[in-house]
Amino acid sequence: LYPPHCPVCDKVALPKDGICPQCRKKLNFISEPFCMKCGKPISDAR
């Protein structure tokens, strides 16, 4: 109904995703290790 615009480049994105594949690669998703309180990424897994 409403073809999405990629929130990274603001161009019309592929309907199956919403974020351009090339733009997705630029995003740094939070993954472990992260702070168990606020969720910030941390470098030391210990």
All heavy atoms as atom14 arrays in JSON, in Angstrom:
{
  "sequence": "LYPPHCPVCDKVALPKDGICPQCRKKLNFISEPFCMKCGKPISDAR",
  "atom14_mask": [
    [1, 1, 1, 1, 1, 1, 1, 1, 0, 0, 0, 0, 0, 0],
    [1, 1, 1, 1, 1, 1, 1, 1, 1, 1, 1, 1, 0, 0],
    [1, 1, 1, 1, 1, 1, 1, 0, 0, 0, 0, 0, 0, 0],
    [1, 1, 1, 1, 1, 1, 1, 0, 0, 0, 0, 0, 0, 0],
    [1, 1, 1, 1, 1, 1, 1, 1, 1, 1, 0, 0, 0, 0],
    [1, 1, 1, 1, 1, 1, 0, 0, 0, 0, 0, 0, 0, 0],
    [1, 1, 1, 1, 1, 1, 1, 0, 0, 0, 0, 0, 0, 0],
    [1, 1, 1, 1, 1, 1, 1, 0, 0, 0, 0, 0, 0, 0],
    [1, 1, 1, 1, 1, 1, 0, 0, 0, 0, 0, 0, 0, 0],
    [1, 1, 1, 1, 1, 1, 1, 1, 0, 0, 0, 0, 0, 0],
    [1, 1, 1, 1, 1, 1, 1, 1, 1, 0, 0, 0, 0, 0],
    [1, 1, 1, 1, 1, 1, 1, 0, 0, 0, 0, 0, 0, 0],
    [1, 1, 1, 1, 1, 0, 0, 0, 0, 0, 0, 0, 0, 0],
    [1, 1, 1, 1, 1, 1, 1, 1, 0, 0, 0, 0, 0, 0],
    [1, 1, 1, 1, 1, 1, 1, 0, 0, 0, 0, 0, 0, 0],
    [1, 1, 1, 1, 1, 1, 1, 1, 1, 0, 0, 0, 0, 0],
    [1, 1, 1, 1, 1, 1, 1, 1, 0, 0, 0, 0, 0, 0],
    [1, 1, 1, 1, 0, 0, 0, 0, 0, 0, 0, 0, 0, 0],
    [1, 1, 1, 1, 1, 1, 1, 1, 0, 0, 0, 0, 0, 0],
    [1, 1, 1, 1, 1, 1, 0, 0, 0, 0, 0, 0, 0, 0],
    [1, 1, 1, 1, 1, 1, 1, 0, 0, 0, 0, 0, 0, 0],
    [1, 1, 1, 1, 1, 1, 1, 1, 1, 0, 0, 0, 0, 0],
    [1, 1, 1, 1, 1, 1, 0, 0, 0, 0, 0, 0, 0, 0],
    [1, 1, 1, 1, 1, 1, 1, 1, 1, 1, 1, 0, 0, 0],
    [1, 1, 1, 1, 1, 1, 1, 1, 1, 0, 0, 0, 0, 0],
    [1, 1, 1, 1, 1, 1, 1, 1, 1, 0, 0, 0, 0, 0],
    [1, 1, 1, 1, 1, 1, 1, 1, 0, 0, 0, 0, 0, 0],
    [1, 1, 1, 1, 1, 1, 1, 1, 0, 0, 0, 0, 0, 0],
    [1, 1, 1, 1, 1, 1, 1, 1, 1, 1, 1, 0, 0, 0],
    [1, 1, 1, 1, 1, 1, 1, 1, 0, 0, 0, 0, 0, 0],
    [1, 1, 1, 1, 1, 1, 0, 0, 0, 0, 0, 0, 0, 0],
    [1, 1, 1, 1, 1, 1, 1, 1, 1, 0, 0, 0, 0, 0],
    [1, 1, 1, 1, 1, 1, 1, 0, 0, 0, 0, 0, 0, 0],
    [1, 1, 1, 1, 1, 1, 1, 1, 1, 1, 1, 0, 0, 0],
    [1, 1, 1, 1, 1, 1, 0, 0, 0, 0, 0, 0, 0, 0],
    [1, 1, 1, 1, 1, 1, 1, 1, 0, 0, 0, 0, 0, 0],
    [1, 1, 1, 1, 1, 1, 1, 1, 1, 0, 0, 0, 0, 0],
    [1, 1, 1, 1, 1, 1, 0, 0, 0, 0, 0, 0, 0, 0],
    [1, 1, 1, 1, 0, 0, 0, 0, 0, 0, 0, 0, 0, 0],
    [1, 1, 1, 1, 1, 1, 1, 1, 1, 0, 0, 0, 0, 0],
    [1, 1, 1, 1, 1, 1, 1, 0, 0, 0, 0, 0, 0, 0],
    [1, 1, 1, 1, 1, 1, 1, 1, 0, 0, 0, 0, 0, 0],
    [1, 1, 1, 1, 1, 1, 0, 0, 0, 0, 0, 0, 0, 0],
    [1, 1, 1, 1, 1, 1, 1, 1, 0, 0, 0, 0, 0, 0],
    [1, 1, 1, 1, 1, 0, 0, 0, 0, 0, 0, 0, 0, 0],
    [1, 1, 1, 1, 1, 1, 1, 1, 1, 1, 1, 0, 0, 0]
  ],
  "atom14_positions": [
    [[0.82, -1.22, 0.0], [0.0, 0.0, 0.0], [0.85, 1.27, 0.0], [0.55, 2.24, -0.69], [-0.92, 0.0, 1.23], [-1.97, -1.12, 1.29], [-2.66, -1.11, 2.64], [-2.98, -0.96, 0.17], [0.0, 0.0, 0.0], [0.0, 0.0, 0.0], [0.0, 0.0, 0.0], [0.0, 0.0, 0.0], [0.0, 0.0, 0.0], [0.0, 0.0, 0.0]],
    [[1.91, 1.24, 0.79], [2.77, 2.42, 0.93], [4.24, 2.01, 0.79], [4.86, 1.62, 1.77], [2.56, 3.08, 2.29], [1.12, 3.37, 2.62], [0.4, 2.54, 3.48], [0.47, 4.47, 2.08], [-0.92, 2.79, 3.79], [-0.86, 4.73, 2.38], [-1.55, 3.9, 3.23], [-2.86, 4.15, 3.53], [0.0, 0.0, 0.0], [0.0, 0.0, 0.0]],
    [[4.78, 2.06, -0.43], [6.19, 1.69, -0.62], [7.08, 2.49, 0.32], [7.0, 3.73, 0.35], [6.44, 2.06, -2.09], [5.1, 2.02, -2.72], [4.14, 2.48, -1.67], [0.0, 0.0, 0.0], [0.0, 0.0, 0.0], [0.0, 0.0, 0.0], [0.0, 0.0, 0.0], [0.0, 0.0, 0.0], [0.0, 0.0, 0.0], [0.0, 0.0, 0.0]],
    [[7.89, 1.81, 1.11], [8.69, 2.51, 2.12], [9.88, 3.26, 1.53], [10.41, 2.89, 0.49], [9.17, 1.35, 3.01], [9.26, 0.19, 2.07], [8.1, 0.35, 1.13], [0.0, 0.0, 0.0], [0.0, 0.0, 0.0], [0.0, 0.0, 0.0], [0.0, 0.0, 0.0], [0.0, 0.0, 0.0], [0.0, 0.0, 0.0], [0.0, 0.0, 0.0]],
    [[10.27, 4.31, 2.22], [11.51, 5.01, 1.91], [12.56, 4.55, 2.92], [12.29, 4.51, 4.13], [11.33, 6.53, 2.01], [10.65, 7.12, 0.82], [9.31, 6.92, 0.57], [11.12, 7.89, -0.21], [8.98, 7.56, -0.56], [10.06, 8.15, -1.05], [0.0, 0.0, 0.0], [0.0, 0.0, 0.0], [0.0, 0.0, 0.0], [0.0, 0.0, 0.0]],
    [[13.71, 4.21, 2.44], [14.8, 3.78, 3.31], [15.11, 4.89, 4.31], [15.33, 6.04, 3.91], [16.03, 3.44, 2.48], [17.49, 3.07, 3.46], [0.0, 0.0, 0.0], [0.0, 0.0, 0.0], [0.0, 0.0, 0.0], [0.0, 0.0, 0.0], [0.0, 0.0, 0.0], [0.0, 0.0, 0.0], [0.0, 0.0, 0.0], [0.0, 0.0, 0.0]],
    [[15.14, 4.6, 5.6], [15.41, 5.64, 6.6], [16.87, 6.1, 6.61], [17.19, 7.07, 7.29], [15.05, 4.96, 7.92], [15.28, 3.51, 7.67], [14.88, 3.29, 6.24], [0.0, 0.0, 0.0], [0.0, 0.0, 0.0], [0.0, 0.0, 0.0], [0.0, 0.0, 0.0], [0.0, 0.0, 0.0], [0.0, 0.0, 0.0], [0.0, 0.0, 0.0]],
    [[17.72, 5.42, 5.84], [19.13, 5.81, 5.79], [19.39, 6.77, 4.64], [19.95, 7.85, 4.82], [20.04, 4.57, 5.68], [21.51, 4.99, 5.66], [19.78, 3.6, 6.82], [0.0, 0.0, 0.0], [0.0, 0.0, 0.0], [0.0, 0.0, 0.0], [0.0, 0.0, 0.0], [0.0, 0.0, 0.0], [0.0, 0.0, 0.0], [0.0, 0.0, 0.0]],
    [[18.96, 6.41, 3.42], [19.2, 7.27, 2.24], [17.95, 8.03, 1.8], [18.02, 8.9, 0.95], [19.73, 6.43, 1.08], [18.53, 5.24, 0.43], [0.0, 0.0, 0.0], [0.0, 0.0, 0.0], [0.0, 0.0, 0.0], [0.0, 0.0, 0.0], [0.0, 0.0, 0.0], [0.0, 0.0, 0.0], [0.0, 0.0, 0.0], [0.0, 0.0, 0.0]],
    [[16.79, 7.68, 2.35], [15.5, 8.3, 2.05], [14.99, 8.03, 0.63], [14.11, 8.72, 0.15], [15.53, 9.8, 2.31], [14.13, 10.38, 2.49], [13.29, 9.73, 3.14], [13.86, 11.48, 1.95], [0.0, 0.0, 0.0], [0.0, 0.0, 0.0], [0.0, 0.0, 0.0], [0.0, 0.0, 0.0], [0.0, 0.0, 0.0], [0.0, 0.0, 0.0]],
    [[15.54, 7.03, -0.04], [15.05, 6.64, -1.36], [14.06, 5.5, -1.2], [14.06, 4.79, -0.19], [16.21, 6.21, -2.26], [17.2, 7.33, -2.56], [18.35, 6.83, -3.41], [19.35, 7.96, -3.69], [20.52, 7.46, -4.47], [0.0, 0.0, 0.0], [0.0, 0.0, 0.0], [0.0, 0.0, 0.0], [0.0, 0.0, 0.0], [0.0, 0.0, 0.0]],
    [[13.18, 5.31, -2.2], [12.23, 4.21, -2.15], [13.01, 2.9, -2.05], [13.9, 2.63, -2.86], [11.32, 4.19, -3.39], [10.43, 2.95, -3.37], [10.46, 5.45, -3.43], [0.0, 0.0, 0.0], [0.0, 0.0, 0.0], [0.0, 0.0, 0.0], [0.0, 0.0, 0.0], [0.0, 0.0, 0.0], [0.0, 0.0, 0.0], [0.0, 0.0, 0.0]],
    [[12.68, 2.11, -1.05], [13.42, 0.88, -0.78], [12.65, -0.32, -1.3], [11.48, -0.23, -1.67], [13.66, 0.74, 0.71], [0.0, 0.0, 0.0], [0.0, 0.0, 0.0], [0.0, 0.0, 0.0], [0.0, 0.0, 0.0], [0.0, 0.0, 0.0], [0.0, 0.0, 0.0], [0.0, 0.0, 0.0], [0.0, 0.0, 0.0], [0.0, 0.0, 0.0]],
    [[13.3, -1.46, -1.32], [12.64, -2.7, -1.71], [11.53, -3.01, -0.72], [11.74, -2.97, 0.5], [13.64, -3.86, -1.74], [14.75, -3.76, -2.78], [15.75, -4.9, -2.58], [14.16, -3.84, -4.19], [0.0, 0.0, 0.0], [0.0, 0.0, 0.0], [0.0, 0.0, 0.0], [0.0, 0.0, 0.0], [0.0, 0.0, 0.0], [0.0, 0.0, 0.0]],
    [[10.31, -3.31, -1.21], [9.18, -3.57, -0.3], [9.45, -4.65, 0.73], [8.91, -4.6, 1.83], [8.06, -3.99, -1.26], [8.41, -3.33, -2.54], [9.91, -3.37, -2.61], [0.0, 0.0, 0.0], [0.0, 0.0, 0.0], [0.0, 0.0, 0.0], [0.0, 0.0, 0.0], [0.0, 0.0, 0.0], [0.0, 0.0, 0.0], [0.0, 0.0, 0.0]],
    [[10.27, -5.64, 0.4], [10.48, -6.75, 1.32], [11.33, -6.37, 2.53], [11.42, -7.14, 3.49], [11.14, -7.93, 0.6], [12.56, -7.67, 0.16], [13.16, -8.93, -0.46], [14.62, -8.71, -0.86], [15.22, -9.93, -1.43], [0.0, 0.0, 0.0], [0.0, 0.0, 0.0], [0.0, 0.0, 0.0], [0.0, 0.0, 0.0], [0.0, 0.0, 0.0]],
    [[11.96, -5.2, 2.49], [12.88, -4.87, 3.56], [12.56, -3.54, 4.25], [12.31, -3.47, 5.43], [14.31, -4.84, 3.0], [15.36, -4.94, 4.1], [15.0, -4.81, 5.27], [16.53, -5.16, 3.77], [0.0, 0.0, 0.0], [0.0, 0.0, 0.0], [0.0, 0.0, 0.0], [0.0, 0.0, 0.0], [0.0, 0.0, 0.0], [0.0, 0.0, 0.0]],
    [[12.55, -2.45, 3.48], [12.36, -1.13, 4.06], [13.68, -0.39, 4.19], [13.71, 0.83, 4.25], [0.0, 0.0, 0.0], [0.0, 0.0, 0.0], [0.0, 0.0, 0.0], [0.0, 0.0, 0.0], [0.0, 0.0, 0.0], [0.0, 0.0, 0.0], [0.0, 0.0, 0.0], [0.0, 0.0, 0.0], [0.0, 0.0, 0.0], [0.0, 0.0, 0.0]],
    [[14.77, -1.13, 4.25], [16.11, -0.55, 4.3], [16.9, -1.11, 3.12], [16.93, -2.32, 2.91], [16.83, -0.88, 5.61], [16.04, -0.35, 6.81], [18.24, -0.3, 5.62], [16.63, -0.71, 8.16], [0.0, 0.0, 0.0], [0.0, 0.0, 0.0], [0.0, 0.0, 0.0], [0.0, 0.0, 0.0], [0.0, 0.0, 0.0], [0.0, 0.0, 0.0]],
    [[17.52, -0.24, 2.36], [18.32, -0.7, 1.22], [19.41, -1.65, 1.69], [20.03, -1.42, 2.73], [18.98, 0.49, 0.52], [17.84, 1.72, -0.12], [0.0, 0.0, 0.0], [0.0, 0.0, 0.0], [0.0, 0.0, 0.0], [0.0, 0.0, 0.0], [0.0, 0.0, 0.0], [0.0, 0.0, 0.0], [0.0, 0.0, 0.0], [0.0, 0.0, 0.0]],
    [[19.68, -2.72, 0.92], [20.74, -3.66, 1.31], [22.08, -2.97, 1.54], [22.8, -3.3, 2.49], [20.81, -4.61, 0.11], [19.44, -4.57, -0.47], [18.99, -3.14, -0.31], [0.0, 0.0, 0.0], [0.0, 0.0, 0.0], [0.0, 0.0, 0.0], [0.0, 0.0, 0.0], [0.0, 0.0, 0.0], [0.0, 0.0, 0.0], [0.0, 0.0, 0.0]],
    [[22.43, -2.01, 0.67], [23.7, -1.32, 0.84], [23.7, -0.4, 2.05], [24.72, -0.21, 2.72], [24.08, -0.52, -0.43], [23.1, 0.56, -0.83], [22.03, 0.05, -1.78], [21.64, -1.12, -1.72], [21.56, 0.93, -2.67], [0.0, 0.0, 0.0], [0.0, 0.0, 0.0], [0.0, 0.0, 0.0], [0.0, 0.0, 0.0], [0.0, 0.0, 0.0]],
    [[22.52, 0.17, 2.37], [22.4, 1.02, 3.55], [22.45, 0.18, 4.83], [23.0, 0.62, 5.85], [21.12, 1.83, 3.51], [21.13, 3.16, 2.27], [0.0, 0.0, 0.0], [0.0, 0.0, 0.0], [0.0, 0.0, 0.0], [0.0, 0.0, 0.0], [0.0, 0.0, 0.0], [0.0, 0.0, 0.0], [0.0, 0.0, 0.0], [0.0, 0.0, 0.0]],
    [[21.86, -1.0, 4.79], [21.86, -1.87, 5.96], [23.29, -2.19, 6.41], [23.58, -2.32, 7.6], [21.09, -3.16, 5.66], [20.94, -4.09, 6.84], [20.02, -5.25, 6.52], [18.64, -4.83, 6.45], [17.84, -4.72, 7.5], [18.31, -5.0, 8.71], [16.6, -4.33, 7.37], [0.0, 0.0, 0.0], [0.0, 0.0, 0.0], [0.0, 0.0, 0.0]],
    [[24.18, -2.3, 5.44], [25.58, -2.61, 5.76], [26.26, -1.47, 6.51], [27.26, -1.68, 7.2], [26.35, -2.9, 4.47], [25.91, -4.17, 3.75], [26.65, -4.35, 2.44], [26.16, -5.58, 1.69], [26.86, -5.75, 0.39], [0.0, 0.0, 0.0], [0.0, 0.0, 0.0], [0.0, 0.0, 0.0], [0.0, 0.0, 0.0], [0.0, 0.0, 0.0]],
    [[25.72, -0.26, 6.37], [26.31, 0.89, 7.04], [25.87, 1.02, 8.5], [26.48, 1.77, 9.27], [25.92, 2.18, 6.3], [26.39, 2.25, 4.86], [25.86, 3.52, 4.2], [26.23, 3.61, 2.73], [25.68, 4.83, 2.08], [0.0, 0.0, 0.0], [0.0, 0.0, 0.0], [0.0, 0.0, 0.0], [0.0, 0.0, 0.0], [0.0, 0.0, 0.0]],
    [[24.81, 0.32, 8.85], [24.24, 0.44, 10.19], [24.94, -0.51, 11.17], [25.17, -1.67, 10.86], [22.75, 0.13, 10.16], [21.9, 1.09, 9.31], [20.49, 0.53, 9.15], [21.87, 2.47, 9.93], [0.0, 0.0, 0.0], [0.0, 0.0, 0.0], [0.0, 0.0, 0.0], [0.0, 0.0, 0.0], [0.0, 0.0, 0.0], [0.0, 0.0, 0.0]],
    [[25.23, 0.02, 12.33], [25.9, -0.76, 13.37], [24.85, -1.25, 14.37], [24.51, -0.55, 15.33], [26.96, 0.1, 14.06], [27.86, -0.7, 14.97], [27.65, -1.9, 15.17], [28.87, -0.05, 15.51], [0.0, 0.0, 0.0], [0.0, 0.0, 0.0], [0.0, 0.0, 0.0], [0.0, 0.0, 0.0], [0.0, 0.0, 0.0], [0.0, 0.0, 0.0]],
    [[24.33, -2.45, 14.12], [23.33, -3.03, 15.02], [23.99, -3.39, 16.35], [25.12, -3.85, 16.39], [22.72, -4.28, 14.4], [21.73, -4.01, 13.3], [22.16, -3.85, 12.0], [20.38, -3.91, 13.57], [21.26, -3.61, 10.97], [19.46, -3.67, 12.56], [19.9, -3.51, 11.26], [0.0, 0.0, 0.0], [0.0, 0.0, 0.0], [0.0, 0.0, 0.0]],
    [[23.26, -3.18, 17.44], [23.77, -3.54, 18.76], [23.78, -5.06, 18.88], [22.77, -5.73, 18.67], [22.9, -2.95, 19.89], [22.78, -1.43, 19.75], [23.47, -3.33, 21.25], [24.06, -0.68, 19.9], [0.0, 0.0, 0.0], [0.0, 0.0, 0.0], [0.0, 0.0, 0.0], [0.0, 0.0, 0.0], [0.0, 0.0, 0.0], [0.0, 0.0, 0.0]],
    [[24.92, -5.59, 19.2], [25.05, -7.04, 19.43], [25.96, -7.25, 20.63], [26.63, -6.32, 21.09], [25.63, -7.73, 18.18], [26.9, -7.19, 17.86], [0.0, 0.0, 0.0], [0.0, 0.0, 0.0], [0.0, 0.0, 0.0], [0.0, 0.0, 0.0], [0.0, 0.0, 0.0], [0.0, 0.0, 0.0], [0.0, 0.0, 0.0], [0.0, 0.0, 0.0]],
    [[26.0, -8.46, 21.13], [26.84, -8.73, 22.29], [28.31, -8.56, 21.94], [28.72, -8.84, 20.81], [26.58, -10.16, 22.77], [25.17, -10.36, 23.32], [24.93, -11.76, 23.85], [25.77, -12.66, 23.56], [23.95, -11.96, 24.55], [0.0, 0.0, 0.0], [0.0, 0.0, 0.0], [0.0, 0.0, 0.0], [0.0, 0.0, 0.0], [0.0, 0.0, 0.0]],
    [[29.12, -8.06, 22.87], [28.75, -7.72, 24.25], [28.13, -6.32, 24.36], [28.56, -5.4, 23.66], [30.09, -7.78, 24.98], [31.08, -7.38, 23.95], [30.57, -7.94, 22.65], [0.0, 0.0, 0.0], [0.0, 0.0, 0.0], [0.0, 0.0, 0.0], [0.0, 0.0, 0.0], [0.0, 0.0, 0.0], [0.0, 0.0, 0.0], [0.0, 0.0, 0.0]],
    [[27.11, -6.2, 25.18], [26.53, -4.89, 25.46], [26.21, -4.8, 26.95], [26.15, -5.82, 27.64], [25.27, -4.65, 24.62], [24.22, -5.71, 24.72], [23.39, -5.81, 25.82], [24.06, -6.64, 23.7], [22.41, -6.79, 25.92], [23.09, -7.63, 23.78], [22.26, -7.7, 24.89], [0.0, 0.0, 0.0], [0.0, 0.0, 0.0], [0.0, 0.0, 0.0]],
    [[26.07, -3.56, 27.42], [25.79, -3.32, 28.84], [24.48, -3.98, 29.23], [23.46, -3.8, 28.57], [25.73, -1.82, 29.09], [25.29, -1.37, 30.79], [0.0, 0.0, 0.0], [0.0, 0.0, 0.0], [0.0, 0.0, 0.0], [0.0, 0.0, 0.0], [0.0, 0.0, 0.0], [0.0, 0.0, 0.0], [0.0, 0.0, 0.0], [0.0, 0.0, 0.0]],
    [[24.51, -4.74, 30.31], [23.31, -5.44, 30.75], [22.32, -4.54, 31.47], [21.26, -4.98, 31.87], [23.7, -6.61, 31.67], [24.51, -7.69, 30.96], [23.73, -8.28, 29.43], [22.24, -9.04, 30.07], [0.0, 0.0, 0.0], [0.0, 0.0, 0.0], [0.0, 0.0, 0.0], [0.0, 0.0, 0.0], [0.0, 0.0, 0.0], [0.0, 0.0, 0.0]],
    [[22.68, -3.26, 31.6], [21.74, -2.31, 32.2], [21.09, -1.45, 31.13], [19.88, -1.51, 30.92], [22.48, -1.42, 33.21], [21.53, -0.51, 34.01], [20.62, -1.32, 34.92], [19.76, -0.41, 35.78], [18.89, -1.17, 36.7], [0.0, 0.0, 0.0], [0.0, 0.0, 0.0], [0.0, 0.0, 0.0], [0.0, 0.0, 0.0], [0.0, 0.0, 0.0]],
    [[21.89, -0.66, 30.4], [21.31, 0.28, 29.44], [21.29, -0.24, 28.0], [20.55, 0.27, 27.17], [22.07, 1.6, 29.48], [23.73, 1.55, 28.76], [0.0, 0.0, 0.0], [0.0, 0.0, 0.0], [0.0, 0.0, 0.0], [0.0, 0.0, 0.0], [0.0, 0.0, 0.0], [0.0, 0.0, 0.0], [0.0, 0.0, 0.0], [0.0, 0.0, 0.0]],
    [[22.13, -1.24, 27.7], [22.16, -1.79, 26.35], [23.24, -1.21, 25.45], [23.33, -1.57, 24.27], [0.0, 0.0, 0.0], [0.0, 0.0, 0.0], [0.0, 0.0, 0.0], [0.0, 0.0, 0.0], [0.0, 0.0, 0.0], [0.0, 0.0, 0.0], [0.0, 0.0, 0.0], [0.0, 0.0, 0.0], [0.0, 0.0, 0.0], [0.0, 0.0, 0.0]],
    [[24.09, -0.32, 25.98], [25.19, 0.23, 25.18], [26.19, -0.86, 24.8], [26.46, -1.76, 25.59], [25.94, 1.31, 25.98], [25.35, 2.68, 25.94], [26.26, 3.66, 26.67], [25.65, 5.06, 26.69], [26.51, 6.0, 27.45], [0.0, 0.0, 0.0], [0.0, 0.0, 0.0], [0.0, 0.0, 0.0], [0.0, 0.0, 0.0], [0.0, 0.0, 0.0]],
    [[26.76, -0.77, 23.6], [27.8, -1.73, 23.24], [29.05, -1.5, 24.08], [29.4, -0.35, 24.37], [28.06, -1.42, 21.77], [27.67, 0.01, 21.6], [26.51, 0.21, 22.53], [0.0, 0.0, 0.0], [0.0, 0.0, 0.0], [0.0, 0.0, 0.0], [0.0, 0.0, 0.0], [0.0, 0.0, 0.0], [0.0, 0.0, 0.0], [0.0, 0.0, 0.0]],
    [[29.69, -2.58, 24.51], [30.94, -2.47, 25.26], [31.99, -3.34, 24.58], [31.66, -4.33, 23.92], [30.76, -2.9, 26.74], [30.1, -4.29, 26.84], [29.91, -1.88, 27.5], [29.92, -4.78, 28.27], [0.0, 0.0, 0.0], [0.0, 0.0, 0.0], [0.0, 0.0, 0.0], [0.0, 0.0, 0.0], [0.0, 0.0, 0.0], [0.0, 0.0, 0.0]],
    [[33.24, -2.96, 24.72], [34.31, -3.67, 24.03], [34.82, -4.89, 24.78], [35.35, -5.83, 24.17], [35.48, -2.71, 23.76], [35.94, -2.14, 24.97], [0.0, 0.0, 0.0], [0.0, 0.0, 0.0], [0.0, 0.0, 0.0], [0.0, 0.0, 0.0], [0.0, 0.0, 0.0], [0.0, 0.0, 0.0], [0.0, 0.0, 0.0], [0.0, 0.0, 0.0]],
    [[34.66, -4.89, 26.09], [35.17, -5.98, 26.92], [34.04, -6.92, 27.32], [33.19, -6.56, 28.14], [35.85, -5.4, 28.16], [36.64, -6.45, 28.94], [36.44, -7.66, 28.68], [37.46, -6.05, 29.8], [0.0, 0.0, 0.0], [0.0, 0.0, 0.0], [0.0, 0.0, 0.0], [0.0, 0.0, 0.0], [0.0, 0.0, 0.0], [0.0, 0.0, 0.0]],
    [[34.04, -8.12, 26.77], [32.97, -9.09, 27.05], [32.97, -9.56, 28.49], [31.98, -10.13, 28.96], [33.1, -10.28, 26.11], [0.0, 0.0, 0.0], [0.0, 0.0, 0.0], [0.0, 0.0, 0.0], [0.0, 0.0, 0.0], [0.0, 0.0, 0.0], [0.0, 0.0, 0.0], [0.0, 0.0, 0.0], [0.0, 0.0, 0.0], [0.0, 0.0, 0.0]],
    [[34.05, -9.32, 29.21], [34.11, -9.75, 30.61], [33.35, -8.8, 31.53], [33.04, -9.16, 32.66], [35.59, -9.83, 31.05], [36.41, -10.88, 30.31], [37.88, -10.73, 30.63], [38.39, -9.43, 30.19], [39.65, -9.03, 30.39], [40.5, -9.82, 31.03], [40.03, -7.83, 29.97], [0.0, 0.0, 0.0], [0.0, 0.0, 0.0], [0.0, 0.0, 0.0]]
  ]
}
